[in-house]
């Protein structure tokens, strides 16, 4: 099953936009939830297990002839590392899990958008966003407290929450609109 770029863009736009609407309507509740996120174990377990499963599935789809004999043990080892991380590295687990999901989402975005590059240059907006996710994913993996600090700054008052949510909502709508009109 191949995911179409238009479908991915609309789904991504909706997934990014809906929380922003909540943030505009209820900035205090949104800010409180966002500040709890970096050390949230339920979010950490969910995102880390999602990232682990997605990575293992991606790896299982690859044809790695040099490592064909080791493929099954490698898949098991990577799954064990992901699950072990949930047990032994619980500090900022949600941020680390989010970083992994961001990296995998960026791969999906680039892979899905690549065939459409000759068709429309609007794909570059989508792919530039994917590379922003790559840089952010790497940065948050190396220093997860940076996301906590960014979230605390962005939720310091209701005005910042509303402006940030408004900007992110506008970008989410752009991505969804591109999915409907250009992809």
Foldseek 3Di string as FASTA:
>chain_A
DADALLNLLQVQLCVQQPLLVVCQVPVVVSLVVLLCQQLDLVLLLVLLLVLLVLVLVVLVPDDDPVCVVPNVVVSVVSNCVSVVCSVPVNRSSNLLSQLSVLLSVLVSLCVNLVVCVVVDVVSVVSNVVSVVSNVSSVVCNVPVVVSSVVSCVQSVDSVSSNVVSVVSSVVSVVSNVCSVPPD
